[in-house]
Amino acid sequence: GWRPRPNEAPQPKLPDSLAERVVAAEVWHLAARAEHASVPAFSKLSLQLIALGAPSELVEGAHRAALQEIDHARRCFALAQGYGGLPWDPGALPELADSLAAPPRRPDLVGLARGSLRDGCVGEGVAAAMAQALAQGAEDPVIAETLAGIAADEAEHAELSWAVVAWCLKAGGGPVREALREEATTLDDHRAAALPKEAPLSPARARRR
């Protein structure tokens, strides 16, 4: 399944209220599904890197990131089970199945650079900052440790994305540089709508509501 080994599963402190446990379980279930969905994204990145002739260090980093996302998903599912008492697994990803059935798109340096800037440098960087902030505010040491580990890995993923962008610039030159300028402008235009005004509820904060 998608849970750590029994001796590795995080054991959170359980609130007395059933409603609070249900809320916490749902929060961690949603987090687990998001981490689970990130696994194929890094698997796809590794294939794109190989297809475009990227250095082995970048390919290795993409595979390592996918394995880290598997670990994140397992830990989050374990916390969801710890709070809710029921074993939750991600199930199938129909959208992934649909994408695999669609005609493949030829990867190119411009698309790789833009996607890495948007989803990696910015997306993973924001995820790392949010996880770190939640870790610092967590009352349960188990939750704090879990979130701190996720934050460290997400920061590593952002660094990998910057390295991919740098390689794309070196290999692709002017067209990649212009595409990155356009992508940065788009991100700047939409940052107010894209970024939350406050971090989402952690289980600890949710219990206090």
N, C-alpha and C. Protein backbone atom coordinates (compact mmCIF):
# COMPACT_ATOMS: atom_id res chain seq x y z
N GLY A 1 0.81 -1.19 0.00
CA GLY A 1 0.00 0.00 0.00
C GLY A 1 0.86 1.26 0.00
N TRP A 2 0.24 2.37 0.37
CA TRP A 2 0.91 3.67 0.38
C TRP A 2 1.11 4.18 1.80
N ARG A 3 1.56 3.27 2.68
CA ARG A 3 1.85 3.67 4.05
C ARG A 3 3.23 3.18 4.42
N PRO A 4 3.93 3.89 5.33
CA PRO A 4 5.26 3.43 5.75
C PRO A 4 5.18 2.10 6.48
N ARG A 5 6.33 1.48 6.66
CA ARG A 5 6.39 0.28 7.48
C ARG A 5 5.92 0.63 8.89
N PRO A 6 5.34 -0.36 9.62
CA PRO A 6 4.78 -0.05 10.94
C PRO A 6 5.73 0.70 11.86
N ASN A 7 7.01 0.35 11.85
CA ASN A 7 7.97 1.01 12.75
C ASN A 7 8.38 2.39 12.25
N GLU A 8 7.97 2.77 11.03
CA GLU A 8 8.32 4.07 10.48
C GLU A 8 7.12 5.00 10.37
N ALA A 9 5.93 4.51 10.66
CA ALA A 9 4.72 5.32 10.50
C ALA A 9 4.64 6.37 11.60
N PRO A 10 4.42 7.63 11.25
CA PRO A 10 4.28 8.67 12.27
C PRO A 10 3.01 8.48 13.08
N GLN A 11 3.10 8.71 14.39
CA GLN A 11 1.97 8.54 15.29
C GLN A 11 1.63 9.88 15.92
N PRO A 12 0.63 10.60 15.38
CA PRO A 12 0.31 11.92 15.92
C PRO A 12 -0.44 11.84 17.24
N LYS A 13 -0.41 12.93 17.98
CA LYS A 13 -1.23 13.05 19.17
C LYS A 13 -2.67 13.28 18.74
N LEU A 14 -3.58 12.49 19.27
CA LEU A 14 -4.97 12.57 18.82
C LEU A 14 -5.77 13.52 19.70
N PRO A 15 -6.53 14.43 19.10
CA PRO A 15 -7.42 15.29 19.88
C PRO A 15 -8.58 14.48 20.45
N ASP A 16 -9.19 14.98 21.50
CA ASP A 16 -10.29 14.27 22.14
C ASP A 16 -11.56 14.28 21.29
N SER A 17 -11.77 15.36 20.55
CA SER A 17 -13.00 15.51 19.78
C SER A 17 -12.95 14.69 18.49
N LEU A 18 -14.03 13.95 18.23
CA LEU A 18 -14.13 13.19 16.98
C LEU A 18 -14.12 14.13 15.78
N ALA A 19 -14.82 15.25 15.89
CA ALA A 19 -14.87 16.20 14.78
C ALA A 19 -13.48 16.71 14.44
N GLU A 20 -12.68 16.99 15.45
CA GLU A 20 -11.33 17.48 15.22
C GLU A 20 -10.46 16.42 14.56
N ARG A 21 -10.66 15.16 14.95
CA ARG A 21 -9.90 14.07 14.32
C ARG A 21 -10.29 13.90 12.87
N VAL A 22 -11.58 14.05 12.56
CA VAL A 22 -12.06 13.93 11.18
C VAL A 22 -11.47 15.03 10.32
N VAL A 23 -11.44 16.26 10.85
CA VAL A 23 -10.87 17.38 10.10
C VAL A 23 -9.40 17.14 9.82
N ALA A 24 -8.66 16.73 10.86
CA ALA A 24 -7.23 16.48 10.69
C ALA A 24 -6.98 15.36 9.69
N ALA A 25 -7.79 14.31 9.74
CA ALA A 25 -7.63 13.20 8.79
C ALA A 25 -7.85 13.67 7.36
N GLU A 26 -8.85 14.52 7.15
CA GLU A 26 -9.13 15.02 5.81
C GLU A 26 -8.01 15.92 5.31
N VAL A 27 -7.47 16.76 6.19
CA VAL A 27 -6.35 17.63 5.80
C VAL A 27 -5.17 16.81 5.32
N TRP A 28 -4.84 15.77 6.06
CA TRP A 28 -3.68 14.95 5.67
C TRP A 28 -3.99 14.05 4.48
N HIS A 29 -5.24 13.67 4.31
CA HIS A 29 -5.61 12.91 3.12
C HIS A 29 -5.43 13.76 1.87
N LEU A 30 -5.87 15.01 1.92
CA LEU A 30 -5.70 15.91 0.78
C LEU A 30 -4.22 16.14 0.49
N ALA A 31 -3.43 16.31 1.56
CA ALA A 31 -1.98 16.49 1.37
C ALA A 31 -1.36 15.26 0.73
N ALA A 32 -1.80 14.08 1.18
CA ALA A 32 -1.25 12.84 0.63
C ALA A 32 -1.55 12.69 -0.85
N ARG A 33 -2.77 13.04 -1.26
CA ARG A 33 -3.12 12.92 -2.67
C ARG A 33 -2.31 13.89 -3.52
N ALA A 34 -2.04 15.08 -2.98
CA ALA A 34 -1.22 16.03 -3.72
C ALA A 34 0.21 15.52 -3.89
N GLU A 35 0.76 14.94 -2.82
CA GLU A 35 2.12 14.39 -2.91
C GLU A 35 2.15 13.21 -3.88
N HIS A 36 1.12 12.38 -3.82
CA HIS A 36 1.04 11.22 -4.72
C HIS A 36 1.00 11.66 -6.17
N ALA A 37 0.27 12.74 -6.46
CA ALA A 37 0.16 13.22 -7.84
C ALA A 37 1.46 13.82 -8.35
N SER A 38 2.37 14.19 -7.43
CA SER A 38 3.65 14.76 -7.84
C SER A 38 4.64 13.71 -8.33
N VAL A 39 4.42 12.45 -7.97
CA VAL A 39 5.36 11.40 -8.36
C VAL A 39 5.49 11.29 -9.88
N PRO A 40 4.39 11.16 -10.64
CA PRO A 40 4.55 11.05 -12.10
C PRO A 40 5.10 12.31 -12.74
N ALA A 41 4.93 13.46 -12.09
CA ALA A 41 5.47 14.69 -12.66
C ALA A 41 7.00 14.62 -12.73
N PHE A 42 7.62 14.11 -11.68
CA PHE A 42 9.08 13.99 -11.70
C PHE A 42 9.53 12.83 -12.57
N SER A 43 8.70 11.79 -12.66
CA SER A 43 9.04 10.71 -13.59
C SER A 43 9.04 11.22 -15.03
N LYS A 44 8.05 12.05 -15.36
CA LYS A 44 8.00 12.66 -16.69
C LYS A 44 9.19 13.57 -16.92
N LEU A 45 9.57 14.32 -15.89
CA LEU A 45 10.74 15.20 -16.01
C LEU A 45 11.99 14.41 -16.35
N SER A 46 12.17 13.26 -15.71
CA SER A 46 13.37 12.46 -15.99
C SER A 46 13.40 12.00 -17.44
N LEU A 47 12.25 11.64 -17.97
CA LEU A 47 12.19 11.21 -19.38
C LEU A 47 12.51 12.38 -20.31
N GLN A 48 11.97 13.56 -20.00
CA GLN A 48 12.26 14.72 -20.83
C GLN A 48 13.75 15.06 -20.81
N LEU A 49 14.34 14.99 -19.64
CA LEU A 49 15.76 15.30 -19.51
C LEU A 49 16.61 14.33 -20.33
N ILE A 50 16.30 13.06 -20.25
CA ILE A 50 17.06 12.07 -21.02
C ILE A 50 16.87 12.30 -22.52
N ALA A 51 15.62 12.57 -22.92
CA ALA A 51 15.34 12.78 -24.35
C ALA A 51 16.10 13.97 -24.91
N LEU A 52 16.33 14.99 -24.08
CA LEU A 52 16.98 16.21 -24.54
C LEU A 52 18.48 16.22 -24.28
N GLY A 53 19.00 15.11 -23.75
CA GLY A 53 20.45 15.00 -23.57
C GLY A 53 20.99 15.71 -22.35
N ALA A 54 20.22 15.79 -21.28
CA ALA A 54 20.65 16.50 -20.08
C ALA A 54 21.73 15.72 -19.34
N PRO A 55 22.50 16.40 -18.49
CA PRO A 55 23.53 15.72 -17.69
C PRO A 55 22.91 14.71 -16.74
N SER A 56 23.71 13.71 -16.39
CA SER A 56 23.20 12.64 -15.53
C SER A 56 22.79 13.16 -14.15
N GLU A 57 23.43 14.21 -13.68
CA GLU A 57 23.09 14.75 -12.36
C GLU A 57 21.64 15.23 -12.31
N LEU A 58 21.17 15.83 -13.40
CA LEU A 58 19.79 16.30 -13.44
C LEU A 58 18.82 15.13 -13.50
N VAL A 59 19.16 14.12 -14.28
CA VAL A 59 18.31 12.93 -14.36
C VAL A 59 18.24 12.24 -13.00
N GLU A 60 19.38 12.12 -12.35
CA GLU A 60 19.42 11.51 -11.02
C GLU A 60 18.57 12.31 -10.03
N GLY A 61 18.66 13.63 -10.11
CA GLY A 61 17.87 14.48 -9.22
C GLY A 61 16.38 14.31 -9.42
N ALA A 62 15.96 14.15 -10.67
CA ALA A 62 14.54 13.94 -10.95
C ALA A 62 14.04 12.63 -10.37
N HIS A 63 14.84 11.57 -10.51
CA HIS A 63 14.46 10.28 -9.93
C HIS A 63 14.44 10.35 -8.41
N ARG A 64 15.41 11.03 -7.82
CA ARG A 64 15.43 11.16 -6.37
C ARG A 64 14.21 11.94 -5.88
N ALA A 65 13.82 12.98 -6.61
CA ALA A 65 12.64 13.76 -6.23
C ALA A 65 11.38 12.91 -6.27
N ALA A 66 11.25 12.05 -7.30
CA ALA A 66 10.08 11.18 -7.38
C ALA A 66 10.01 10.24 -6.18
N LEU A 67 11.16 9.69 -5.78
CA LEU A 67 11.19 8.80 -4.61
C LEU A 67 10.84 9.57 -3.34
N GLN A 68 11.28 10.81 -3.24
CA GLN A 68 10.95 11.62 -2.07
C GLN A 68 9.45 11.91 -2.02
N GLU A 69 8.82 12.14 -3.17
CA GLU A 69 7.39 12.37 -3.19
C GLU A 69 6.62 11.12 -2.77
N ILE A 70 7.14 9.95 -3.13
CA ILE A 70 6.53 8.70 -2.66
C ILE A 70 6.58 8.63 -1.14
N ASP A 71 7.72 8.99 -0.57
CA ASP A 71 7.86 8.99 0.89
C ASP A 71 6.90 9.99 1.52
N HIS A 72 6.78 11.19 0.93
CA HIS A 72 5.85 12.18 1.46
C HIS A 72 4.42 11.64 1.46
N ALA A 73 4.03 11.04 0.34
CA ALA A 73 2.67 10.51 0.23
C ALA A 73 2.42 9.44 1.28
N ARG A 74 3.37 8.55 1.47
CA ARG A 74 3.22 7.49 2.47
C ARG A 74 3.03 8.08 3.86
N ARG A 75 3.85 9.06 4.20
CA ARG A 75 3.77 9.65 5.53
C ARG A 75 2.44 10.39 5.73
N CYS A 76 2.00 11.10 4.71
CA CYS A 76 0.74 11.83 4.82
C CYS A 76 -0.44 10.87 4.92
N PHE A 77 -0.43 9.78 4.15
CA PHE A 77 -1.49 8.79 4.26
C PHE A 77 -1.48 8.16 5.65
N ALA A 78 -0.28 7.94 6.21
CA ALA A 78 -0.19 7.36 7.55
C ALA A 78 -0.78 8.30 8.59
N LEU A 79 -0.53 9.61 8.44
CA LEU A 79 -1.11 10.57 9.37
C LEU A 79 -2.62 10.63 9.21
N ALA A 80 -3.11 10.57 7.98
CA ALA A 80 -4.56 10.54 7.77
C ALA A 80 -5.18 9.33 8.46
N GLN A 81 -4.51 8.19 8.36
CA GLN A 81 -5.01 7.00 9.04
C GLN A 81 -4.91 7.15 10.55
N GLY A 82 -3.80 7.76 11.01
CA GLY A 82 -3.63 7.95 12.45
C GLY A 82 -4.75 8.78 13.05
N TYR A 83 -5.17 9.82 12.35
CA TYR A 83 -6.25 10.67 12.85
C TYR A 83 -7.63 10.04 12.62
N GLY A 84 -7.82 9.42 11.45
CA GLY A 84 -9.15 8.94 11.09
C GLY A 84 -9.43 7.50 11.44
N GLY A 85 -8.37 6.70 11.64
CA GLY A 85 -8.55 5.30 12.00
C GLY A 85 -8.81 4.38 10.83
N LEU A 86 -8.83 4.92 9.60
CA LEU A 86 -9.09 4.10 8.43
C LEU A 86 -7.90 4.18 7.47
N PRO A 87 -7.52 3.05 6.86
CA PRO A 87 -6.42 3.07 5.88
C PRO A 87 -6.88 3.69 4.57
N TRP A 88 -6.19 4.74 4.15
CA TRP A 88 -6.53 5.44 2.91
C TRP A 88 -5.41 5.27 1.90
N ASP A 89 -5.79 4.91 0.69
CA ASP A 89 -4.84 4.82 -0.41
C ASP A 89 -5.30 5.76 -1.52
N PRO A 90 -4.39 6.15 -2.43
CA PRO A 90 -4.75 7.14 -3.43
C PRO A 90 -5.69 6.64 -4.51
N GLY A 91 -5.67 5.35 -4.79
CA GLY A 91 -6.48 4.85 -5.89
C GLY A 91 -5.86 5.21 -7.23
N ALA A 92 -6.65 5.10 -8.28
CA ALA A 92 -6.15 5.36 -9.64
C ALA A 92 -6.12 6.86 -9.92
N LEU A 93 -5.33 7.23 -10.93
CA LEU A 93 -5.27 8.61 -11.42
C LEU A 93 -5.79 8.63 -12.85
N PRO A 94 -7.10 8.80 -13.04
CA PRO A 94 -7.67 8.76 -14.39
C PRO A 94 -7.04 9.78 -15.33
N GLU A 95 -6.71 10.97 -14.80
CA GLU A 95 -6.13 11.98 -15.67
C GLU A 95 -4.76 11.55 -16.18
N LEU A 96 -4.02 10.79 -15.36
CA LEU A 96 -2.73 10.29 -15.82
C LEU A 96 -2.94 9.23 -16.89
N ALA A 97 -3.91 8.36 -16.69
CA ALA A 97 -4.21 7.35 -17.70
C ALA A 97 -4.61 8.00 -19.02
N ASP A 98 -5.38 9.08 -18.94
CA ASP A 98 -5.79 9.79 -20.16
C ASP A 98 -4.57 10.39 -20.87
N SER A 99 -3.66 10.95 -20.10
CA SER A 99 -2.48 11.57 -20.71
C SER A 99 -1.58 10.52 -21.36
N LEU A 100 -1.52 9.34 -20.77
CA LEU A 100 -0.72 8.27 -21.36
C LEU A 100 -1.33 7.75 -22.66
N ALA A 101 -2.66 7.85 -22.75
CA ALA A 101 -3.35 7.38 -23.96
C ALA A 101 -3.29 8.40 -25.08
N ALA A 102 -3.00 9.66 -24.74
CA ALA A 102 -2.97 10.72 -25.75
C ALA A 102 -1.68 10.63 -26.56
N PRO A 103 -1.68 11.16 -27.78
CA PRO A 103 -0.44 11.18 -28.58
C PRO A 103 0.67 11.92 -27.83
N PRO A 104 1.86 11.37 -27.78
CA PRO A 104 2.95 12.02 -27.05
C PRO A 104 3.38 13.32 -27.71
N ARG A 105 3.77 14.28 -26.89
CA ARG A 105 4.28 15.56 -27.40
C ARG A 105 5.80 15.55 -27.33
N ARG A 106 6.42 16.01 -28.39
CA ARG A 106 7.88 16.04 -28.44
C ARG A 106 8.42 17.08 -27.46
N PRO A 107 9.29 16.68 -26.53
CA PRO A 107 9.83 17.65 -25.58
C PRO A 107 10.79 18.62 -26.26
N ASP A 108 10.88 19.83 -25.73
CA ASP A 108 11.82 20.81 -26.26
C ASP A 108 12.34 21.64 -25.10
N LEU A 109 13.45 22.31 -25.32
CA LEU A 109 14.11 23.06 -24.25
C LEU A 109 13.25 24.22 -23.76
N VAL A 110 12.54 24.88 -24.67
CA VAL A 110 11.70 26.02 -24.28
C VAL A 110 10.59 25.56 -23.33
N GLY A 111 9.88 24.51 -23.70
CA GLY A 111 8.81 24.01 -22.84
C GLY A 111 9.32 23.52 -21.51
N LEU A 112 10.47 22.83 -21.53
CA LEU A 112 11.05 22.32 -20.29
C LEU A 112 11.45 23.47 -19.37
N ALA A 113 12.04 24.50 -19.95
CA ALA A 113 12.47 25.65 -19.14
C ALA A 113 11.28 26.36 -18.52
N ARG A 114 10.25 26.60 -19.32
CA ARG A 114 9.07 27.31 -18.80
C ARG A 114 8.39 26.50 -17.70
N GLY A 115 8.21 25.20 -17.94
CA GLY A 115 7.58 24.36 -16.93
C GLY A 115 8.39 24.27 -15.66
N SER A 116 9.71 24.19 -15.80
CA SER A 116 10.58 24.10 -14.62
C SER A 116 10.54 25.38 -13.80
N LEU A 117 10.49 26.53 -14.49
CA LEU A 117 10.40 27.80 -13.78
C LEU A 117 9.07 27.90 -13.03
N ARG A 118 8.00 27.56 -13.72
CA ARG A 118 6.65 27.72 -13.14
C ARG A 118 6.37 26.70 -12.03
N ASP A 119 6.53 25.43 -12.37
CA ASP A 119 6.13 24.38 -11.44
C ASP A 119 7.21 24.02 -10.43
N GLY A 120 8.47 24.20 -10.84
CA GLY A 120 9.57 23.81 -9.97
C GLY A 120 10.13 24.95 -9.15
N CYS A 121 10.73 25.93 -9.83
CA CYS A 121 11.37 27.03 -9.10
C CYS A 121 10.37 27.77 -8.22
N VAL A 122 9.21 28.09 -8.80
CA VAL A 122 8.20 28.83 -8.04
C VAL A 122 7.31 27.88 -7.23
N GLY A 123 6.72 26.90 -7.89
CA GLY A 123 5.78 26.02 -7.20
C GLY A 123 6.40 25.25 -6.05
N GLU A 124 7.54 24.60 -6.31
CA GLU A 124 8.19 23.84 -5.25
C GLU A 124 8.78 24.77 -4.19
N GLY A 125 9.25 25.94 -4.62
CA GLY A 125 9.78 26.89 -3.65
C GLY A 125 8.71 27.38 -2.69
N VAL A 126 7.52 27.70 -3.21
CA VAL A 126 6.41 28.12 -2.36
C VAL A 126 5.99 26.97 -1.44
N ALA A 127 5.92 25.76 -1.97
CA ALA A 127 5.54 24.61 -1.16
C ALA A 127 6.52 24.40 -0.01
N ALA A 128 7.82 24.58 -0.28
CA ALA A 128 8.83 24.43 0.77
C ALA A 128 8.64 25.47 1.86
N ALA A 129 8.41 26.72 1.45
CA ALA A 129 8.24 27.80 2.43
C ALA A 129 6.99 27.58 3.28
N MET A 130 5.90 27.14 2.66
CA MET A 130 4.67 26.90 3.40
C MET A 130 4.82 25.74 4.37
N ALA A 131 5.45 24.66 3.93
CA ALA A 131 5.65 23.51 4.81
C ALA A 131 6.54 23.88 6.00
N GLN A 132 7.57 24.68 5.75
CA GLN A 132 8.46 25.10 6.83
C GLN A 132 7.72 25.98 7.83
N ALA A 133 6.88 26.89 7.32
CA ALA A 133 6.10 27.76 8.22
C ALA A 133 5.14 26.94 9.07
N LEU A 134 4.49 25.94 8.46
CA LEU A 134 3.58 25.08 9.20
C LEU A 134 4.33 24.23 10.22
N ALA A 135 5.53 23.78 9.87
CA ALA A 135 6.34 22.99 10.79
C ALA A 135 6.69 23.80 12.03
N GLN A 136 7.04 25.05 11.83
CA GLN A 136 7.42 25.90 12.95
C GLN A 136 6.24 26.20 13.86
N GLY A 137 5.03 26.19 13.32
CA GLY A 137 3.85 26.48 14.13
C GLY A 137 3.16 25.24 14.67
N ALA A 138 3.63 24.05 14.32
CA ALA A 138 2.97 22.82 14.76
C ALA A 138 3.22 22.57 16.24
N GLU A 139 2.18 22.17 16.98
CA GLU A 139 2.30 21.87 18.40
C GLU A 139 2.77 20.44 18.64
N ASP A 140 2.43 19.53 17.73
CA ASP A 140 2.79 18.12 17.85
C ASP A 140 4.17 17.90 17.24
N PRO A 141 5.16 17.39 18.01
CA PRO A 141 6.49 17.16 17.45
C PRO A 141 6.49 16.24 16.24
N VAL A 142 5.58 15.28 16.20
CA VAL A 142 5.51 14.36 15.06
C VAL A 142 5.12 15.12 13.79
N ILE A 143 4.14 16.01 13.92
CA ILE A 143 3.72 16.81 12.78
C ILE A 143 4.83 17.76 12.35
N ALA A 144 5.48 18.38 13.33
CA ALA A 144 6.57 19.31 13.03
C ALA A 144 7.70 18.61 12.28
N GLU A 145 8.06 17.41 12.72
CA GLU A 145 9.14 16.67 12.07
C GLU A 145 8.76 16.26 10.65
N THR A 146 7.51 15.82 10.48
CA THR A 146 7.05 15.42 9.15
C THR A 146 7.09 16.60 8.18
N LEU A 147 6.55 17.74 8.62
CA LEU A 147 6.50 18.91 7.76
C LEU A 147 7.89 19.47 7.48
N ALA A 148 8.77 19.43 8.47
CA ALA A 148 10.13 19.92 8.26
C ALA A 148 10.86 19.07 7.23
N GLY A 149 10.64 17.75 7.28
CA GLY A 149 11.25 16.88 6.28
C GLY A 149 10.72 17.14 4.89
N ILE A 150 9.41 17.34 4.78
CA ILE A 150 8.81 17.66 3.48
C ILE A 150 9.36 18.98 2.97
N ALA A 151 9.48 19.98 3.86
CA ALA A 151 9.99 21.30 3.46
C ALA A 151 11.40 21.20 2.90
N ALA A 152 12.24 20.41 3.56
CA ALA A 152 13.62 20.27 3.09
C ALA A 152 13.67 19.62 1.71
N ASP A 153 12.84 18.61 1.50
CA ASP A 153 12.83 17.94 0.20
C ASP A 153 12.28 18.86 -0.89
N GLU A 154 11.21 19.61 -0.58
CA GLU A 154 10.64 20.51 -1.58
C GLU A 154 11.64 21.62 -1.95
N ALA A 155 12.42 22.08 -0.96
CA ALA A 155 13.46 23.07 -1.27
C ALA A 155 14.52 22.47 -2.20
N GLU A 156 14.82 21.19 -2.00
CA GLU A 156 15.76 20.50 -2.89
C GLU A 156 15.19 20.40 -4.30
N HIS A 157 13.87 20.17 -4.39
CA HIS A 157 13.23 20.09 -5.70
C HIS A 157 13.29 21.44 -6.42
N ALA A 158 13.12 22.52 -5.66
CA ALA A 158 13.23 23.85 -6.26
C ALA A 158 14.65 24.10 -6.78
N GLU A 159 15.64 23.67 -6.02
CA GLU A 159 17.03 23.81 -6.46
C GLU A 159 17.28 23.00 -7.72
N LEU A 160 16.71 21.81 -7.79
CA LEU A 160 16.83 21.00 -9.01
C LEU A 160 16.23 21.74 -10.20
N SER A 161 15.09 22.37 -9.98
CA SER A 161 14.43 23.08 -11.07
C SER A 161 15.27 24.25 -11.57
N TRP A 162 15.92 24.98 -10.64
CA TRP A 162 16.82 26.06 -11.06
C TRP A 162 17.98 25.51 -11.88
N ALA A 163 18.48 24.34 -11.49
CA ALA A 163 19.56 23.72 -12.25
C ALA A 163 19.10 23.32 -13.65
N VAL A 164 17.86 22.83 -13.75
CA VAL A 164 17.30 22.48 -15.06
C VAL A 164 17.16 23.73 -15.92
N VAL A 165 16.67 24.81 -15.33
CA VAL A 165 16.54 26.06 -16.07
C VAL A 165 17.89 26.55 -16.56
N ALA A 166 18.90 26.47 -15.70
CA ALA A 166 20.24 26.91 -16.09
C ALA A 166 20.77 26.07 -17.24
N TRP A 167 20.53 24.77 -17.20
CA TRP A 167 20.99 23.91 -18.30
C TRP A 167 20.25 24.23 -19.60
N CYS A 168 18.93 24.45 -19.49
CA CYS A 168 18.16 24.80 -20.68
C CYS A 168 18.67 26.10 -21.31
N LEU A 169 19.01 27.07 -20.47
CA LEU A 169 19.56 28.33 -20.98
C LEU A 169 20.89 28.11 -21.70
N LYS A 170 21.72 27.29 -21.10
CA LYS A 170 23.03 27.02 -21.70
C LYS A 170 22.88 26.29 -23.03
N ALA A 171 21.95 25.34 -23.07
CA ALA A 171 21.79 24.52 -24.28
C ALA A 171 20.94 25.21 -25.34
N GLY A 172 19.98 26.04 -24.91
CA GLY A 172 19.04 26.61 -25.86
C GLY A 172 19.24 28.06 -26.22
N GLY A 173 20.01 28.79 -25.42
CA GLY A 173 20.35 30.16 -25.76
C GLY A 173 19.18 31.12 -25.80
N GLY A 174 19.16 31.99 -26.80
CA GLY A 174 18.22 33.08 -26.91
C GLY A 174 16.75 32.70 -26.83
N PRO A 175 16.28 31.70 -27.59
CA PRO A 175 14.87 31.34 -27.52
C PRO A 175 14.41 30.94 -26.12
N VAL A 176 15.27 30.23 -25.41
CA VAL A 176 14.93 29.84 -24.04
C VAL A 176 14.90 31.07 -23.13
N ARG A 177 15.87 31.96 -23.32
CA ARG A 177 15.92 33.18 -22.50
C ARG A 177 14.66 34.02 -22.69
N GLU A 178 14.22 34.17 -23.93
CA GLU A 178 13.03 34.96 -24.20
C GLU A 178 11.78 34.29 -23.63
N ALA A 179 11.71 32.97 -23.74
CA ALA A 179 10.56 32.24 -23.19
C ALA A 179 10.50 32.37 -21.67
N LEU A 180 11.65 32.37 -21.02
CA LEU A 180 11.67 32.53 -19.57
C LEU A 180 11.25 33.93 -19.16
N ARG A 181 11.64 34.93 -19.95
CA ARG A 181 11.17 36.29 -19.67
C ARG A 181 9.65 36.35 -19.73
N GLU A 182 9.08 35.74 -20.76
CA GLU A 182 7.62 35.75 -20.91
C GLU A 182 6.96 35.01 -19.74
N GLU A 183 7.52 33.88 -19.37
CA GLU A 183 6.93 33.10 -18.28
C GLU A 183 7.03 33.86 -16.96
N ALA A 184 8.16 34.52 -16.73
CA ALA A 184 8.32 35.31 -15.51
C ALA A 184 7.32 36.45 -15.46
N THR A 185 7.07 37.08 -16.60
CA THR A 185 6.08 38.17 -16.65
C THR A 185 4.69 37.65 -16.35
N THR A 186 4.35 36.49 -16.91
CA THR A 186 3.05 35.89 -16.65
C THR A 186 2.88 35.56 -15.17
N LEU A 187 3.92 34.98 -14.57
CA LEU A 187 3.86 34.65 -13.15
C LEU A 187 3.71 35.89 -12.30
N ASP A 188 4.41 36.95 -12.69
CA ASP A 188 4.34 38.20 -11.93
C ASP A 188 2.94 38.80 -12.02
N ASP A 189 2.32 38.71 -13.19
CA ASP A 189 0.98 39.26 -13.39
C ASP A 189 -0.06 38.53 -12.55
N HIS A 190 0.16 37.23 -12.34
CA HIS A 190 -0.86 36.42 -11.67
C HIS A 190 -0.49 36.03 -10.24
N ARG A 191 0.59 36.57 -9.72
CA ARG A 191 1.04 36.09 -8.41
C ARG A 191 0.04 36.39 -7.30
N ALA A 192 -0.67 37.53 -7.37
CA ALA A 192 -1.61 37.86 -6.31
C ALA A 192 -2.75 36.85 -6.24
N ALA A 193 -3.20 36.40 -7.42
CA ALA A 193 -4.29 35.42 -7.45
C ALA A 193 -3.78 34.01 -7.19
N ALA A 194 -2.54 33.74 -7.55
CA ALA A 194 -2.02 32.37 -7.46
C ALA A 194 -1.58 32.01 -6.05
N LEU A 195 -1.02 32.97 -5.31
CA LEU A 195 -0.48 32.67 -4.00
C LEU A 195 -1.52 32.95 -2.92
N PRO A 196 -1.68 32.05 -1.96
CA PRO A 196 -2.66 32.28 -0.89
C PRO A 196 -2.23 33.41 0.02
N LYS A 197 -3.20 34.09 0.60
CA LYS A 197 -2.89 35.18 1.52
C LYS A 197 -2.39 34.65 2.86
N GLU A 198 -2.73 33.43 3.19
CA GLU A 198 -2.21 32.80 4.40
C GLU A 198 -2.07 31.32 4.14
N ALA A 199 -1.25 30.67 4.96
CA ALA A 199 -1.02 29.23 4.78
C ALA A 199 -2.30 28.47 5.06
N PRO A 200 -2.52 27.34 4.39
CA PRO A 200 -3.70 26.53 4.66
C PRO A 200 -3.67 26.00 6.08
N LEU A 201 -4.81 25.58 6.58
CA LEU A 201 -4.89 25.11 7.95
C LEU A 201 -4.06 23.86 8.16
N SER A 202 -3.21 23.88 9.16
CA SER A 202 -2.57 22.66 9.62
C SER A 202 -3.57 21.97 10.53
N PRO A 203 -3.38 20.67 10.81
CA PRO A 203 -4.28 20.00 11.73
C PRO A 203 -4.37 20.71 13.08
N ALA A 204 -3.22 21.25 13.56
CA ALA A 204 -3.23 21.94 14.85
C ALA A 204 -4.09 23.19 14.79
N ARG A 205 -3.93 23.98 13.71
CA ARG A 205 -4.72 25.21 13.58
C ARG A 205 -6.19 24.86 13.36
N ALA A 206 -6.45 23.82 12.59
CA ALA A 206 -7.83 23.43 12.35
C ALA A 206 -8.54 23.06 13.65
N ARG A 207 -7.81 22.43 14.56
CA ARG A 207 -8.43 22.04 15.81
C ARG A 207 -8.80 23.23 16.67
N ARG A 208 -8.06 24.36 16.49
CA ARG A 208 -8.32 25.53 17.32
C ARG A 208 -9.48 26.36 16.78
N ARG A 209 -9.92 26.08 15.54
CA ARG A 209 -11.03 26.84 14.95
C ARG A 209 -12.36 26.44 15.60
